[in-house]
Amino acid sequence: MKTKDNIIDLEDYRIKQGNKISKVFTGRDRGKSVREKSKLDRIEQDNNSVEIIIPNNIYSINPSFFEELFVNVVKKLGKEKFLEKFKFSSIGDYNYDKPLKEAIDRILRSKTALD
């Protein structure tokens, strides 16, 4: 597990069963779980920047996972400030850009005057 206060390494949140390890991050429930366990909202509040590390050997990250993982910080910061504050690095060759942008757009689309 990374020890720097502003780093969230998704490797730490992969599902493991014996010697098998998940190659996907999918679903709102999983995104919420990772958000809570990683204390993402607190890390965002306490730091000027946040690094998200996408591990090697990832096959897919669904927009719904990102949507629930980042819902609070995207609503708080908006798209531009979120993308300035959150830095993403992929250890492998998974291209997270499209599902991330789709998730951000969904979050902002669902925002209402009551939020």
PDB file of N, CA and C in Angstrom:
ATOM      1  N   MET A   1       0.848  -1.182   0.000  1.00  0.00           N
ATOM      2  CA  MET A   1       0.000   0.000   0.000  1.00  0.00           C
ATOM      3  C   MET A   1       0.889   1.239   0.000  1.00  0.00           C
ATOM      4  N   LYS A   2       0.570   2.205  -0.836  1.00  0.00           N
ATOM      5  CA  LYS A   2       1.330   3.452  -0.894  1.00  0.00           C
ATOM      6  C   LYS A   2       1.128   4.206   0.414  1.00  0.00           C
ATOM      7  N   THR A   3       2.198   4.844   0.890  1.00  0.00           N
ATOM      8  CA  THR A   3       2.112   5.516   2.177  1.00  0.00           C
ATOM      9  C   THR A   3       1.977   7.022   2.062  1.00  0.00           C
ATOM     10  N   LYS A   4       2.238   7.594   0.903  1.00  0.00           N
ATOM     11  CA  LYS A   4       2.090   9.031   0.740  1.00  0.00           C
ATOM     12  C   LYS A   4       0.615   9.390   0.888  1.00  0.00           C
ATOM     13  N   ASP A   5       0.352  10.466   1.610  1.00  0.00           N
ATOM     14  CA  ASP A   5      -1.012  10.819   1.992  1.00  0.00           C
ATOM     15  C   ASP A   5      -1.943  11.152   0.830  1.00  0.00           C
ATOM     16  N   ASN A   6      -1.396  11.544  -0.314  1.00  0.00           N
ATOM     17  CA  ASN A   6      -2.267  11.965  -1.408  1.00  0.00           C
ATOM     18  C   ASN A   6      -2.287  10.971  -2.573  1.00  0.00           C
ATOM     19  N   ILE A   7      -1.902   9.727  -2.318  1.00  0.00           N
ATOM     20  CA  ILE A   7      -1.883   8.702  -3.369  1.00  0.00           C
ATOM     21  C   ILE A   7      -2.910   7.613  -3.069  1.00  0.00           C
ATOM     22  N   ILE A   8      -3.711   7.297  -4.086  1.00  0.00           N
ATOM     23  CA  ILE A   8      -4.618   6.151  -4.006  1.00  0.00           C
ATOM     24  C   ILE A   8      -4.204   5.193  -5.110  1.00  0.00           C
ATOM     25  N   ASP A   9      -3.696   4.052  -4.713  1.00  0.00           N
ATOM     26  CA  ASP A   9      -3.268   3.019  -5.654  1.00  0.00           C
ATOM     27  C   ASP A   9      -4.379   1.981  -5.737  1.00  0.00           C
ATOM     28  N   LEU A  10      -5.040   1.909  -6.886  1.00  0.00           N
ATOM     29  CA  LEU A  10      -6.155   0.966  -7.025  1.00  0.00           C
ATOM     30  C   LEU A  10      -5.726  -0.487  -6.875  1.00  0.00           C
ATOM     31  N   GLU A  11      -4.442  -0.760  -6.982  1.00  0.00           N
ATOM     32  CA  GLU A  11      -3.932  -2.116  -6.723  1.00  0.00           C
ATOM     33  C   GLU A  11      -4.366  -2.592  -5.329  1.00  0.00           C
ATOM     34  N   ASP A  12      -4.403  -1.667  -4.381  1.00  0.00           N
ATOM     35  CA  ASP A  12      -4.771  -2.000  -3.003  1.00  0.00           C
ATOM     36  C   ASP A  12      -6.235  -2.392  -2.853  1.00  0.00           C
ATOM     37  N   TYR A  13      -7.034  -2.159  -3.883  1.00  0.00           N
ATOM     38  CA  TYR A  13      -8.476  -2.396  -3.808  1.00  0.00           C
ATOM     39  C   TYR A  13      -8.965  -3.429  -4.810  1.00  0.00           C
ATOM     40  N   ARG A  14      -8.041  -4.166  -5.405  1.00  0.00           N
ATOM     41  CA  ARG A  14      -8.430  -5.260  -6.301  1.00  0.00           C
ATOM     42  C   ARG A  14      -9.008  -6.400  -5.477  1.00  0.00           C
ATOM     43  N   ILE A  15      -9.954  -7.109  -6.068  1.00  0.00           N
ATOM     44  CA  ILE A  15     -10.528  -8.284  -5.409  1.00  0.00           C
ATOM     45  C   ILE A  15      -9.600  -9.464  -5.668  1.00  0.00           C
ATOM     46  N   LYS A  16      -9.252 -10.174  -4.586  1.00  0.00           N
ATOM     47  CA  LYS A  16      -8.352 -11.317  -4.688  1.00  0.00           C
ATOM     48  C   LYS A  16      -9.033 -12.547  -4.109  1.00  0.00           C
ATOM     49  N   GLN A  17      -8.883 -13.664  -4.834  1.00  0.00           N
ATOM     50  CA  GLN A  17      -9.369 -14.954  -4.352  1.00  0.00           C
ATOM     51  C   GLN A  17      -8.249 -15.945  -4.560  1.00  0.00           C
ATOM     52  N   GLY A  18      -7.605 -16.323  -3.493  1.00  0.00           N
ATOM     53  CA  GLY A  18      -6.455 -17.225  -3.613  1.00  0.00           C
ATOM     54  C   GLY A  18      -5.368 -16.546  -4.418  1.00  0.00           C
ATOM     55  N   ASN A  19      -4.920 -17.218  -5.478  1.00  0.00           N
ATOM     56  CA  ASN A  19      -3.882 -16.623  -6.321  1.00  0.00           C
ATOM     57  C   ASN A  19      -4.467 -15.900  -7.536  1.00  0.00           C
ATOM     58  N   LYS A  20      -5.798 -15.783  -7.593  1.00  0.00           N
ATOM     59  CA  LYS A  20      -6.451 -15.054  -8.684  1.00  0.00           C
ATOM     60  C   LYS A  20      -6.717 -13.621  -8.239  1.00  0.00           C
ATOM     61  N   ILE A  21      -6.542 -12.705  -9.202  1.00  0.00           N
ATOM     62  CA  ILE A  21      -6.742 -11.287  -8.911  1.00  0.00           C
ATOM     63  C   ILE A  21      -7.619 -10.666  -9.997  1.00  0.00           C
ATOM     64  N   SER A  22      -8.550  -9.822  -9.575  1.00  0.00           N
ATOM     65  CA  SER A  22      -9.476  -9.191 -10.508  1.00  0.00           C
ATOM     66  C   SER A  22      -8.731  -8.283 -11.476  1.00  0.00           C
ATOM     67  N   LYS A  23      -9.196  -8.297 -12.724  1.00  0.00           N
ATOM     68  CA  LYS A  23      -8.623  -7.431 -13.762  1.00  0.00           C
ATOM     69  C   LYS A  23      -9.605  -6.347 -14.169  1.00  0.00           C
ATOM     70  N   VAL A  24     -10.715  -6.217 -13.431  1.00  0.00           N
ATOM     71  CA  VAL A  24     -11.726  -5.210 -13.741  1.00  0.00           C
ATOM     72  C   VAL A  24     -12.144  -4.470 -12.474  1.00  0.00           C
ATOM     73  N   PHE A  25     -12.519  -3.222 -12.660  1.00  0.00           N
ATOM     74  CA  PHE A  25     -13.191  -2.445 -11.627  1.00  0.00           C
ATOM     75  C   PHE A  25     -14.527  -2.064 -12.233  1.00  0.00           C
ATOM     76  N   THR A  26     -15.616  -2.549 -11.636  1.00  0.00           N
ATOM     77  CA  THR A  26     -16.915  -2.347 -12.247  1.00  0.00           C
ATOM     78  C   THR A  26     -17.991  -2.131 -11.190  1.00  0.00           C
ATOM     79  N   GLY A  27     -18.975  -1.343 -11.521  1.00  0.00           N
ATOM     80  CA  GLY A  27     -20.165  -1.188 -10.697  1.00  0.00           C
ATOM     81  C   GLY A  27     -20.092  -0.065  -9.680  1.00  0.00           C
ATOM     82  N   ARG A  28     -21.245   0.507  -9.441  1.00  0.00           N
ATOM     83  CA  ARG A  28     -21.367   1.595  -8.464  1.00  0.00           C
ATOM     84  C   ARG A  28     -21.027   1.124  -7.056  1.00  0.00           C
ATOM     85  N   ASP A  29     -21.479  -0.077  -6.704  1.00  0.00           N
ATOM     86  CA  ASP A  29     -21.221  -0.564  -5.346  1.00  0.00           C
ATOM     87  C   ASP A  29     -19.723  -0.711  -5.085  1.00  0.00           C
ATOM     88  N   ARG A  30     -18.993  -1.171  -6.079  1.00  0.00           N
ATOM     89  CA  ARG A  30     -17.539  -1.311  -5.946  1.00  0.00           C
ATOM     90  C   ARG A  30     -16.867   0.058  -5.869  1.00  0.00           C
ATOM     91  N   GLY A  31     -17.333   1.005  -6.690  1.00  0.00           N
ATOM     92  CA  GLY A  31     -16.796   2.361  -6.645  1.00  0.00           C
ATOM     93  C   GLY A  31     -17.013   3.010  -5.292  1.00  0.00           C
ATOM     94  N   LYS A  32     -18.208   2.822  -4.737  1.00  0.00           N
ATOM     95  CA  LYS A  32     -18.514   3.371  -3.411  1.00  0.00           C
ATOM     96  C   LYS A  32     -17.626   2.738  -2.351  1.00  0.00           C
ATOM     97  N   SER A  33     -17.451   1.434  -2.434  1.00  0.00           N
ATOM     98  CA  SER A  33     -16.604   0.728  -1.472  1.00  0.00           C
ATOM     99  C   SER A  33     -15.166   1.252  -1.500  1.00  0.00           C
ATOM    100  N   VAL A  34     -14.625   1.420  -2.688  1.00  0.00           N
ATOM    101  CA  VAL A  34     -13.252   1.924  -2.815  1.00  0.00           C
ATOM    102  C   VAL A  34     -13.174   3.374  -2.331  1.00  0.00           C
ATOM    103  N   ARG A  35     -14.186   4.180  -2.638  1.00  0.00           N
ATOM    104  CA  ARG A  35     -14.203   5.569  -2.163  1.00  0.00           C
ATOM    105  C   ARG A  35     -14.154   5.620  -0.643  1.00  0.00           C
ATOM    106  N   GLU A  36     -14.957   4.780  -0.006  1.00  0.00           N
ATOM    107  CA  GLU A  36     -15.010   4.776   1.459  1.00  0.00           C
ATOM    108  C   GLU A  36     -13.735   4.212   2.076  1.00  0.00           C
ATOM    109  N   LYS A  37     -13.261   3.086   1.568  1.00  0.00           N
ATOM    110  CA  LYS A  37     -12.060   2.451   2.137  1.00  0.00           C
ATOM    111  C   LYS A  37     -10.800   3.291   1.921  1.00  0.00           C
ATOM    112  N   SER A  38     -10.727   3.969   0.783  1.00  0.00           N
ATOM    113  CA  SER A  38      -9.540   4.776   0.485  1.00  0.00           C
ATOM    114  C   SER A  38      -9.592   6.148   1.158  1.00  0.00           C
ATOM    115  N   LYS A  39     -10.776   6.513   1.672  1.00  0.00           N
ATOM    116  CA  LYS A  39     -10.981   7.834   2.261  1.00  0.00           C
ATOM    117  C   LYS A  39     -10.706   8.947   1.239  1.00  0.00           C
ATOM    118  N   LEU A  40     -11.119   8.705   0.004  1.00  0.00           N
ATOM    119  CA  LEU A  40     -10.866   9.623  -1.105  1.00  0.00           C
ATOM    120  C   LEU A  40     -11.355  11.037  -0.822  1.00  0.00           C
ATOM    121  N   ASP A  41     -12.547  11.183  -0.270  1.00  0.00           N
ATOM    122  CA  ASP A  41     -13.090  12.520  -0.023  1.00  0.00           C
ATOM    123  C   ASP A  41     -12.227  13.288   0.973  1.00  0.00           C
ATOM    124  N   ARG A  42     -11.733  12.620   1.993  1.00  0.00           N
ATOM    125  CA  ARG A  42     -10.856  13.240   2.991  1.00  0.00           C
ATOM    126  C   ARG A  42      -9.498  13.595   2.364  1.00  0.00           C
ATOM    127  N   ILE A  43      -8.977  12.687   1.553  1.00  0.00           N
ATOM    128  CA  ILE A  43      -7.687  12.939   0.888  1.00  0.00           C
ATOM    129  C   ILE A  43      -7.800  14.165  -0.013  1.00  0.00           C
ATOM    130  N   GLU A  44      -8.895  14.271  -0.746  1.00  0.00           N
ATOM    131  CA  GLU A  44      -9.095  15.438  -1.610  1.00  0.00           C
ATOM    132  C   GLU A  44      -9.141  16.714  -0.781  1.00  0.00           C
ATOM    133  N   GLN A  45      -9.840  16.670   0.317  1.00  0.00           N
ATOM    134  CA  GLN A  45     -10.014  17.849   1.174  1.00  0.00           C
ATOM    135  C   GLN A  45      -8.685  18.301   1.785  1.00  0.00           C
ATOM    136  N   ASP A  46      -7.824  17.346   2.129  1.00  0.00           N
ATOM    137  CA  ASP A  46      -6.598  17.646   2.874  1.00  0.00           C
ATOM    138  C   ASP A  46      -5.368  17.902   2.000  1.00  0.00           C
ATOM    139  N   ASN A  47      -5.486  17.765   0.677  1.00  0.00           N
ATOM    140  CA  ASN A  47      -4.316  17.868  -0.197  1.00  0.00           C
ATOM    141  C   ASN A  47      -4.589  18.775  -1.392  1.00  0.00           C
ATOM    142  N   ASN A  48      -3.518  19.359  -1.923  1.00  0.00           N
ATOM    143  CA  ASN A  48      -3.618  20.214  -3.108  1.00  0.00           C
ATOM    144  C   ASN A  48      -3.721  19.405  -4.389  1.00  0.00           C
ATOM    145  N   SER A  49      -3.210  18.171  -4.355  1.00  0.00           N
ATOM    146  CA  SER A  49      -3.313  17.276  -5.501  1.00  0.00           C
ATOM    147  C   SER A  49      -3.491  15.852  -5.001  1.00  0.00           C
ATOM    148  N   VAL A  50      -4.079  15.039  -5.847  1.00  0.00           N
ATOM    149  CA  VAL A  50      -4.319  13.631  -5.521  1.00  0.00           C
ATOM    150  C   VAL A  50      -3.866  12.805  -6.709  1.00  0.00           C
ATOM    151  N   GLU A  51      -3.094  11.751  -6.428  1.00  0.00           N
ATOM    152  CA  GLU A  51      -2.649  10.856  -7.496  1.00  0.00           C
ATOM    153  C   GLU A  51      -3.421   9.548  -7.414  1.00  0.00           C
ATOM    154  N   ILE A  52      -3.989   9.153  -8.544  1.00  0.00           N
ATOM    155  CA  ILE A  52      -4.690   7.873  -8.666  1.00  0.00           C
ATOM    156  C   ILE A  52      -3.830   6.978  -9.548  1.00  0.00           C
ATOM    157  N   ILE A  53      -3.448   5.823  -9.027  1.00  0.00           N
ATOM    158  CA  ILE A  53      -2.612   4.893  -9.782  1.00  0.00           C
ATOM    159  C   ILE A  53      -3.474   3.734 -10.274  1.00  0.00           C
ATOM    160  N   ILE A  54      -3.488   3.557 -11.591  1.00  0.00           N
ATOM    161  CA  ILE A  54      -4.181   2.430 -12.230  1.00  0.00           C
ATOM    162  C   ILE A  54      -3.153   1.298 -12.332  1.00  0.00           C
ATOM    163  N   PRO A  55      -3.414   0.148 -11.718  1.00  0.00           N
ATOM    164  CA  PRO A  55      -2.413  -0.922 -11.710  1.00  0.00           C
ATOM    165  C   PRO A  55      -2.201  -1.583 -13.076  1.00  0.00           C
ATOM    166  N   ASN A  56      -1.144  -2.327 -13.154  1.00  0.00           N
ATOM    167  CA  ASN A  56      -0.834  -3.119 -14.341  1.00  0.00           C
ATOM    168  C   ASN A  56      -1.859  -4.243 -14.479  1.00  0.00           C
ATOM    169  N   ASN A  57      -2.019  -4.737 -15.692  1.00  0.00           N
ATOM    170  CA  ASN A  57      -2.848  -5.908 -15.951  1.00  0.00           C
ATOM    171  C   ASN A  57      -4.332  -5.665 -15.666  1.00  0.00           C
ATOM    172  N   ILE A  58      -4.799  -4.452 -15.989  1.00  0.00           N
ATOM    173  CA  ILE A  58      -6.220  -4.126 -15.869  1.00  0.00           C
ATOM    174  C   ILE A  58      -6.863  -4.284 -17.242  1.00  0.00           C
ATOM    175  N   TYR A  59      -7.991  -4.975 -17.267  1.00  0.00           N
ATOM    176  CA  TYR A  59      -8.713  -5.219 -18.510  1.00  0.00           C
ATOM    177  C   TYR A  59      -9.778  -4.154 -18.749  1.00  0.00           C
ATOM    178  N   SER A  60     -10.441  -3.711 -17.666  1.00  0.00           N
ATOM    179  CA  SER A  60     -11.537  -2.762 -17.830  1.00  0.00           C
ATOM    180  C   SER A  60     -11.818  -2.020 -16.530  1.00  0.00           C
ATOM    181  N   ILE A  61     -12.152  -0.735 -16.670  1.00  0.00           N
ATOM    182  CA  ILE A  61     -12.718   0.053 -15.575  1.00  0.00           C
ATOM    183  C   ILE A  61     -13.975   0.693 -16.139  1.00  0.00           C
ATOM    184  N   ASN A  62     -15.112   0.306 -15.607  1.00  0.00           N
ATOM    185  CA  ASN A  62     -16.381   0.801 -16.129  1.00  0.00           C
ATOM    186  C   ASN A  62     -16.659   2.219 -15.644  1.00  0.00           C
ATOM    187  N   PRO A  63     -17.329   3.026 -16.474  1.00  0.00           N
ATOM    188  CA  PRO A  63     -17.699   4.377 -16.036  1.00  0.00           C
ATOM    189  C   PRO A  63     -18.492   4.375 -14.734  1.00  0.00           C
ATOM    190  N   SER A  64     -19.323   3.369 -14.517  1.00  0.00           N
ATOM    191  CA  SER A  64     -20.126   3.329 -13.287  1.00  0.00           C
ATOM    192  C   SER A  64     -19.241   3.224 -12.040  1.00  0.00           C
ATOM    193  N   PHE A  65     -18.112   2.524 -12.144  1.00  0.00           N
ATOM    194  CA  PHE A  65     -17.164   2.451 -11.029  1.00  0.00           C
ATOM    195  C   PHE A  65     -16.585   3.838 -10.758  1.00  0.00           C
ATOM    196  N   PHE A  66     -16.066   4.480 -11.807  1.00  0.00           N
ATOM    197  CA  PHE A  66     -15.504   5.824 -11.658  1.00  0.00           C
ATOM    198  C   PHE A  66     -16.559   6.811 -11.165  1.00  0.00           C
ATOM    199  N   GLU A  67     -17.777   6.658 -11.663  1.00  0.00           N
ATOM    200  CA  GLU A  67     -18.854   7.575 -11.306  1.00  0.00           C
ATOM    201  C   GLU A  67     -19.083   7.591  -9.796  1.00  0.00           C
ATOM    202  N   GLU A  68     -19.173   6.428  -9.210  1.00  0.00           N
ATOM    203  CA  GLU A  68     -19.418   6.367  -7.762  1.00  0.00           C
ATOM    204  C   GLU A  68     -18.147   6.678  -6.965  1.00  0.00           C
ATOM    205  N   LEU A  69     -16.997   6.327  -7.501  1.00  0.00           N
ATOM    206  CA  LEU A  69     -15.735   6.624  -6.826  1.00  0.00           C
ATOM    207  C   LEU A  69     -15.529   8.133  -6.693  1.00  0.00           C
ATOM    208  N   PHE A  70     -15.838   8.884  -7.747  1.00  0.00           N
ATOM    209  CA  PHE A  70     -15.526  10.312  -7.789  1.00  0.00           C
ATOM    210  C   PHE A  70     -16.733  11.236  -7.661  1.00  0.00           C
ATOM    211  N   VAL A  71     -17.915  10.711  -7.361  1.00  0.00           N
ATOM    212  CA  VAL A  71     -19.139  11.509  -7.381  1.00  0.00           C
ATOM    213  C   VAL A  71     -19.034  12.753  -6.501  1.00  0.00           C
ATOM    214  N   ASN A  72     -18.554  12.623  -5.299  1.00  0.00           N
ATOM    215  CA  ASN A  72     -18.526  13.762  -4.376  1.00  0.00           C
ATOM    216  C   ASN A  72     -17.520  14.826  -4.809  1.00  0.00           C
ATOM    217  N   VAL A  73     -16.340  14.390  -5.221  1.00  0.00           N
ATOM    218  CA  VAL A  73     -15.299  15.359  -5.573  1.00  0.00           C
ATOM    219  C   VAL A  73     -15.591  16.050  -6.910  1.00  0.00           C
ATOM    220  N   VAL A  74     -16.202  15.349  -7.847  1.00  0.00           N
ATOM    221  CA  VAL A  74     -16.560  15.981  -9.119  1.00  0.00           C
ATOM    222  C   VAL A  74     -17.668  17.013  -8.893  1.00  0.00           C
ATOM    223  N   LYS A  75     -18.660  16.679  -8.079  1.00  0.00           N
ATOM    224  CA  LYS A  75     -19.723  17.646  -7.779  1.00  0.00           C
ATOM    225  C   LYS A  75     -19.153  18.858  -7.056  1.00  0.00           C
ATOM    226  N   LYS A  76     -18.205  18.639  -6.189  1.00  0.00           N
ATOM    227  CA  LYS A  76     -17.593  19.728  -5.422  1.00  0.00           C
ATOM    228  C   LYS A  76     -16.710  20.622  -6.294  1.00  0.00           C
ATOM    229  N   LEU A  77     -15.869  20.003  -7.122  1.00  0.00           N
ATOM    230  CA  LEU A  77     -14.850  20.746  -7.865  1.00  0.00           C
ATOM    231  C   LEU A  77     -15.263  21.152  -9.277  1.00  0.00           C
ATOM    232  N   GLY A  78     -16.172  20.406  -9.891  1.00  0.00           N
ATOM    233  CA  GLY A  78     -16.460  20.603 -11.307  1.00  0.00           C
ATOM    234  C   GLY A  78     -15.404  19.895 -12.146  1.00  0.00           C
ATOM    235  N   LYS A  79     -15.652  19.781 -13.431  1.00  0.00           N
ATOM    236  CA  LYS A  79     -14.795  18.989 -14.318  1.00  0.00           C
ATOM    237  C   LYS A  79     -13.365  19.529 -14.397  1.00  0.00           C
ATOM    238  N   GLU A  80     -13.208  20.809 -14.678  1.00  0.00           N
ATOM    239  CA  GLU A  80     -11.869  21.361 -14.897  1.00  0.00           C
ATOM    240  C   GLU A  80     -11.009  21.278 -13.644  1.00  0.00           C
ATOM    241  N   LYS A  81     -11.560  21.690 -12.512  1.00  0.00           N
ATOM    242  CA  LYS A  81     -10.775  21.673 -11.273  1.00  0.00           C
ATOM    243  C   LYS A  81     -10.479  20.245 -10.820  1.00  0.00           C
ATOM    244  N   PHE A  82     -11.438  19.329 -11.063  1.00  0.00           N
ATOM    245  CA  PHE A  82     -11.188  17.921 -10.749  1.00  0.00           C
ATOM    246  C   PHE A  82      -9.994  17.414 -11.547  1.00  0.00           C
ATOM    247  N   LEU A  83      -9.992  17.677 -12.857  1.00  0.00           N
ATOM    248  CA  LEU A  83      -8.920  17.180 -13.713  1.00  0.00           C
ATOM    249  C   LEU A  83      -7.580  17.869 -13.425  1.00  0.00           C
ATOM    250  N   GLU A  84      -7.615  19.072 -12.862  1.00  0.00           N
ATOM    251  CA  GLU A  84      -6.380  19.735 -12.436  1.00  0.00           C
ATOM    252  C   GLU A  84      -5.845  19.119 -11.145  1.00  0.00           C
ATOM    253  N   LYS A  85      -6.737  18.815 -10.228  1.00  0.00           N
ATOM    254  CA  LYS A  85      -6.334  18.333  -8.902  1.00  0.00           C
ATOM    255  C   LYS A  85      -5.983  16.851  -8.901  1.00  0.00           C
ATOM    256  N   PHE A  86      -6.713  16.060  -9.671  1.00  0.00           N
ATOM    257  CA  PHE A  86      -6.506  14.616  -9.696  1.00  0.00           C
ATOM    258  C   PHE A  86      -5.613  14.240 -10.871  1.00  0.00           C
ATOM    259  N   LYS A  87      -4.487  13.618 -10.555  1.00  0.00           N
ATOM    260  CA  LYS A  87      -3.530  13.160 -11.569  1.00  0.00           C
ATOM    261  C   LYS A  87      -3.632  11.644 -11.648  1.00  0.00           C
ATOM    262  N   PHE A  88      -3.718  11.141 -12.849  1.00  0.00           N
ATOM    263  CA  PHE A  88      -3.859   9.706 -13.072  1.00  0.00           C
ATOM    264  C   PHE A  88      -2.605   9.170 -13.730  1.00  0.00           C
ATOM    265  N   SER A  89      -2.171   7.999 -13.256  1.00  0.00           N
ATOM    266  CA  SER A  89      -1.065   7.318 -13.929  1.00  0.00           C
ATOM    267  C   SER A  89      -1.424   5.848 -14.037  1.00  0.00           C
ATOM    268  N   SER A  90      -1.144   5.293 -15.205  1.00  0.00           N
ATOM    269  CA  SER A  90      -1.444   3.894 -15.473  1.00  0.00           C
ATOM    270  C   SER A  90      -0.133   3.123 -15.541  1.00  0.00           C
ATOM    271  N   ILE A  91       0.028   2.154 -14.651  1.00  0.00           N
ATOM    272  CA  ILE A  91       1.243   1.337 -14.620  1.00  0.00           C
ATOM    273  C   ILE A  91       1.330   0.481 -15.894  1.00  0.00           C
ATOM    274  N   GLY A  92       0.194  -0.015 -16.331  1.00  0.00           N
ATOM    275  CA  GLY A  92       0.149  -0.844 -17.539  1.00  0.00           C
ATOM    276  C   GLY A  92      -0.261  -0.023 -18.741  1.00  0.00           C
ATOM    277  N   ASP A  93      -0.964  -0.680 -19.659  1.00  0.00           N
ATOM    278  CA  ASP A  93      -1.347   0.009 -20.884  1.00  0.00           C
ATOM    279  C   ASP A  93      -2.850   0.276 -20.980  1.00  0.00           C
ATOM    280  N   TYR A  94      -3.573   0.153 -19.856  1.00  0.00           N
ATOM    281  CA  TYR A  94      -5.011   0.405 -19.886  1.00  0.00           C
ATOM    282  C   TYR A  94      -5.272   1.897 -20.089  1.00  0.00           C
ATOM    283  N   ASN A  95      -6.121   2.227 -21.050  1.00  0.00           N
ATOM    284  CA  ASN A  95      -6.483   3.615 -21.329  1.00  0.00           C
ATOM    285  C   ASN A  95      -7.780   3.939 -20.583  1.00  0.00           C
ATOM    286  N   TYR A  96      -7.653   4.639 -19.487  1.00  0.00           N
ATOM    287  CA  TYR A  96      -8.770   4.968 -18.600  1.00  0.00           C
ATOM    288  C   TYR A  96      -9.514   6.237 -19.021  1.00  0.00           C
ATOM    289  N   ASP A  97      -8.997   6.966 -19.996  1.00  0.00           N
ATOM    290  CA  ASP A  97      -9.495   8.298 -20.328  1.00  0.00           C
ATOM    291  C   ASP A  97     -10.976   8.314 -20.710  1.00  0.00           C
ATOM    292  N   LYS A  98     -11.401   7.430 -21.603  1.00  0.00           N
ATOM    293  CA  LYS A  98     -12.796   7.435 -22.071  1.00  0.00           C
ATOM    294  C   LYS A  98     -13.791   7.115 -20.944  1.00  0.00           C
ATOM    295  N   PRO A  99     -13.599   6.032 -20.166  1.00  0.00           N
ATOM    296  CA  PRO A  99     -14.553   5.775 -19.088  1.00  0.00           C
ATOM    297  C   PRO A  99     -14.536   6.857 -18.006  1.00  0.00           C
ATOM    298  N   LEU A 100     -13.377   7.466 -17.760  1.00  0.00           N
ATOM    299  CA  LEU A 100     -13.294   8.540 -16.767  1.00  0.00           C
ATOM    300  C   LEU A 100     -14.102   9.755 -17.227  1.00  0.00           C
ATOM    301  N   LYS A 101     -13.906  10.165 -18.461  1.00  0.00           N
ATOM    302  CA  LYS A 101     -14.632  11.335 -18.975  1.00  0.00           C
ATOM    303  C   LYS A 101     -16.133  11.067 -19.038  1.00  0.00           C
ATOM    304  N   GLU A 102     -16.515   9.849 -19.401  1.00  0.00           N
ATOM    305  CA  GLU A 102     -17.939   9.498 -19.416  1.00  0.00           C
ATOM    306  C   GLU A 102     -18.526   9.584 -18.007  1.00  0.00           C
ATOM    307  N   ALA A 103     -17.785   9.106 -17.021  1.00  0.00           N
ATOM    308  CA  ALA A 103     -18.251   9.155 -15.635  1.00  0.00           C
ATOM    309  C   ALA A 103     -18.408  10.600 -15.165  1.00  0.00           C
ATOM    310  N   ILE A 104     -17.439  11.440 -15.471  1.00  0.00           N
ATOM    311  CA  ILE A 104     -17.512  12.850 -15.068  1.00  0.00           C
ATOM    312  C   ILE A 104     -18.742  13.501 -15.699  1.00  0.00           C
ATOM    313  N   ASP A 105     -18.956  13.260 -16.987  1.00  0.00           N
ATOM    314  CA  ASP A 105     -20.114  13.836 -17.667  1.00  0.00           C
ATOM    315  C   ASP A 105     -21.422  13.347 -17.058  1.00  0.00           C
ATOM    316  N   ARG A 106     -21.504  12.077 -16.715  1.00  0.00           N
ATOM    317  CA  ARG A 106     -22.717  11.525 -16.075  1.00  0.00           C
ATOM    318  C   ARG A 106     -22.964  12.192 -14.727  1.00  0.00           C
ATOM    319  N   ILE A 107     -21.907  12.353 -13.936  1.00  0.00           N
ATOM    320  CA  ILE A 107     -22.048  12.972 -12.606  1.00  0.00           C
ATOM    321  C   ILE A 107     -22.592  14.388 -12.749  1.00  0.00           C
ATOM    322  N   LEU A 108     -22.024  15.144 -13.652  1.00  0.00           N
ATOM    323  CA  LEU A 108     -22.434  16.536 -13.809  1.00  0.00           C
ATOM    324  C   LEU A 108     -23.810  16.664 -14.449  1.00  0.00           C
ATOM    325  N   ARG A 109     -24.181  15.713 -15.301  1.00  0.00           N
ATOM    326  CA  ARG A 109     -25.506  15.698 -15.919  1.00  0.00           C
ATOM    327  C   ARG A 109     -26.589  15.422 -14.885  1.00  0.00           C
ATOM    328  N   SER A 110     -26.257  14.585 -13.897  1.00  0.00           N
ATOM    329  CA  SER A 110     -27.265  14.193 -12.902  1.00  0.00           C
ATOM    330  C   SER A 110     -27.404  15.227 -11.791  1.00  0.00           C
ATOM    331  N   LYS A 111     -26.534  16.219 -11.794  1.00  0.00           N
ATOM    332  CA  LYS A 111     -26.600  17.274 -10.777  1.00  0.00           C
ATOM    333  C   LYS A 111     -27.852  18.102 -11.026  1.00  0.00           C
ATOM    334  N   THR A 112     -28.582  18.380  -9.964  1.00  0.00           N
ATOM    335  CA  THR A 112     -29.804  19.152 -10.090  1.00  0.00           C
ATOM    336  C   THR A 112     -29.704  20.423  -9.250  1.00  0.00           C
ATOM    337  N   ALA A 113     -30.706  21.267  -9.331  1.00  0.00           N
ATOM    338  CA  ALA A 113     -30.729  22.495  -8.550  1.00  0.00           C
ATOM    339  C   ALA A 113     -30.818  22.205  -7.055  1.00  0.00           C
ATOM    340  N   LEU A 114     -31.226  21.010  -6.702  1.00  0.00           N
ATOM    341  CA  LEU A 114     -31.350  20.646  -5.288  1.00  0.00           C
ATOM    342  C   LEU A 114     -30.020  20.195  -4.684  1.00  0.00           C
ATOM    343  N   ASP A 115     -29.009  19.910  -5.519  1.00  0.00           N
ATOM    344  CA  ASP A 115     -27.717  19.452  -5.015  1.00  0.00           C
ATOM    345  C   ASP A 115     -26.950  20.569  -4.348  1.00  0.00           C
TER     346      ASP A 115
END
